[in-house]
Protein backbone atom coordinates (compact mmCIF):
# COMPACT_ATOMS: atom_id res chain seq x y z
CA UNK A 1 -87.20 56.12 -15.91
CA UNK A 2 -85.07 53.21 -14.75
CA UNK A 3 -81.33 53.68 -14.79
CA UNK A 4 -78.71 51.14 -13.70
CA UNK A 5 -75.06 52.16 -13.65
CA UNK A 6 -72.49 49.44 -13.05
CA UNK A 7 -68.89 50.17 -12.12
CA UNK A 8 -65.79 48.63 -10.58
CA UNK A 9 -64.69 46.23 -13.29
CA UNK A 10 -61.17 45.94 -14.60
CA UNK A 11 -58.24 43.68 -15.34
CA UNK A 12 -57.11 41.42 -12.52
CA UNK A 13 -54.84 38.41 -12.21
CA UNK A 14 -56.21 35.00 -11.29
CA UNK A 15 -56.71 34.81 -7.55
CA UNK A 16 -57.35 38.52 -7.29
CA UNK A 17 -60.39 40.45 -6.12
CA UNK A 18 -62.74 43.12 -7.41
CA UNK A 19 -65.77 44.87 -5.97
CA UNK A 20 -68.52 45.84 -8.35
CA UNK A 21 -71.14 48.48 -7.63
CA UNK A 22 -74.49 49.19 -9.24
CA UNK A 23 -76.37 52.41 -8.60
CA UNK A 24 -80.07 52.22 -9.37
CA UNK A 25 -82.56 55.02 -9.94
CA UNK A 26 -86.11 55.26 -11.19
CA UNK A 27 -87.28 52.23 -9.19
CA UNK A 28 -88.43 51.68 -5.63
CA UNK A 29 -85.15 49.94 -4.96
CA UNK A 30 -85.76 48.60 -1.49
CA UNK A 31 -88.73 46.41 -2.45
CA UNK A 32 -87.02 44.53 -5.25
CA UNK A 33 -84.88 41.45 -5.36
CA UNK A 34 -81.72 42.54 -7.14
CA UNK A 35 -79.26 40.41 -9.04
CA UNK A 36 -75.88 40.39 -10.70
CA UNK A 37 -75.65 38.77 -14.11
CA UNK A 38 -72.76 38.17 -16.45
CA UNK A 39 -72.26 37.55 -20.13
CA UNK A 40 -69.08 35.94 -21.36
CA UNK A 41 -68.04 36.14 -25.01
CA UNK A 42 -70.16 33.83 -27.13
CA UNK A 43 -72.44 32.91 -24.23
CA UNK A 44 -75.84 33.96 -23.01
CA UNK A 45 -76.27 36.27 -20.06
CA UNK A 46 -76.52 34.26 -16.84
CA UNK A 47 -77.53 35.01 -13.28
CA UNK A 48 -74.61 35.03 -10.85
CA UNK A 49 -76.13 36.12 -7.54
CA UNK A 50 -79.34 37.54 -6.13
CA UNK A 51 -80.33 39.32 -2.95
CA UNK A 52 -83.89 39.83 -1.74
CA UNK A 53 -85.23 43.01 -0.22
CA UNK A 54 -84.72 41.37 3.17
CA UNK A 55 -81.11 40.43 2.48
CA UNK A 56 -81.42 36.73 1.67
CA UNK A 57 -78.91 35.67 -0.95
CA UNK A 58 -78.38 32.91 -3.47
CA UNK A 59 -75.53 32.17 -5.83
CA UNK A 60 -74.73 30.23 -8.96
CA UNK A 61 -72.74 27.11 -8.12
CA UNK A 62 -69.76 28.41 -10.07
CA UNK A 63 -69.28 31.38 -7.71
CA UNK A 64 -70.41 30.02 -4.34
CA UNK A 65 -67.85 30.67 -1.65
CA UNK A 66 -66.02 33.24 -3.78
CA UNK A 67 -68.58 35.99 -4.50
CA UNK A 68 -70.70 37.95 -2.05
CA UNK A 69 -73.68 40.09 -3.00
CA UNK A 70 -74.86 42.87 -0.71
CA UNK A 71 -77.05 45.95 -0.89
CA UNK A 72 -77.39 49.38 0.67
CA UNK A 73 -81.01 50.43 0.37
CA UNK A 74 -80.24 53.94 1.63
CA UNK A 75 -77.92 54.41 -1.35
CA UNK A 76 -79.99 52.41 -3.88
CA UNK A 77 -76.86 50.41 -4.55
CA UNK A 78 -76.06 46.73 -4.88
CA UNK A 79 -72.54 45.34 -4.65
CA UNK A 80 -70.71 42.22 -5.74
CA UNK A 81 -67.49 41.35 -3.92
CA UNK A 82 -65.54 38.90 -6.06
CA UNK A 83 -62.63 37.00 -4.53
CA UNK A 84 -60.40 34.21 -5.81
CA UNK A 85 -61.18 35.24 -9.36
CA UNK A 86 -60.66 32.72 -12.16
CA UNK A 87 -60.14 33.21 -15.88
CA UNK A 88 -63.61 31.80 -16.48
CA UNK A 89 -65.09 34.72 -14.52
CA UNK A 90 -64.16 36.99 -17.42
CA UNK A 91 -67.36 38.61 -18.65
CA UNK A 92 -69.38 41.79 -18.77
CA UNK A 93 -71.24 42.08 -15.47
CA UNK A 94 -74.68 43.65 -15.19
CA UNK A 95 -77.09 44.29 -12.37
CA UNK A 96 -80.86 44.20 -12.63
CA UNK A 97 -83.93 43.10 -10.79
CA UNK A 98 -84.18 39.42 -10.09
CA UNK A 99 -85.87 37.63 -12.99
CA UNK A 100 -85.03 40.33 -15.52
CA UNK A 101 -85.33 39.25 -19.13
CA UNK A 102 -83.79 40.38 -22.39
CA UNK A 103 -86.83 42.58 -22.92
CA UNK A 104 -86.10 44.60 -19.81
CA UNK A 105 -83.89 47.67 -19.62
CA UNK A 106 -80.20 46.86 -19.03
CA UNK A 107 -77.35 49.18 -18.18
CA UNK A 108 -74.03 49.26 -19.99
CA UNK A 109 -72.41 46.71 -17.71
CA UNK A 110 -68.84 46.64 -16.45
CA UNK A 111 -66.09 44.51 -17.99
CA UNK A 112 -64.21 42.08 -15.77
CA UNK A 113 -61.14 40.46 -17.27
CA UNK A 114 -59.20 37.86 -15.34
CA UNK A 115 -55.89 37.13 -16.97
CA UNK A 116 -52.23 36.66 -16.12
């Protein structure tokens, strides 16, 4: 049974930083491309960053140069380091396999609020 547990969100001022973590279980973690997604109020969930099993990464244009995705296959965990946060980064952040759809299992997410 797949389980994804996101953590590390919170309230931060513009320009601040947060590090999100996602612990995965019930999947063969190290063979999958993993991604971070976010859903802002009134908007659809969108892909923010992905990392392949080999460590190659790709980012949405809106976060390039500010966010860094990484993974620890020994811990079945994927991370998202978020720097220079902006108000428009406010959203619930989720992790999942790359290409996950609304029909897939999703964890509870972690709320990130960027506000002064």
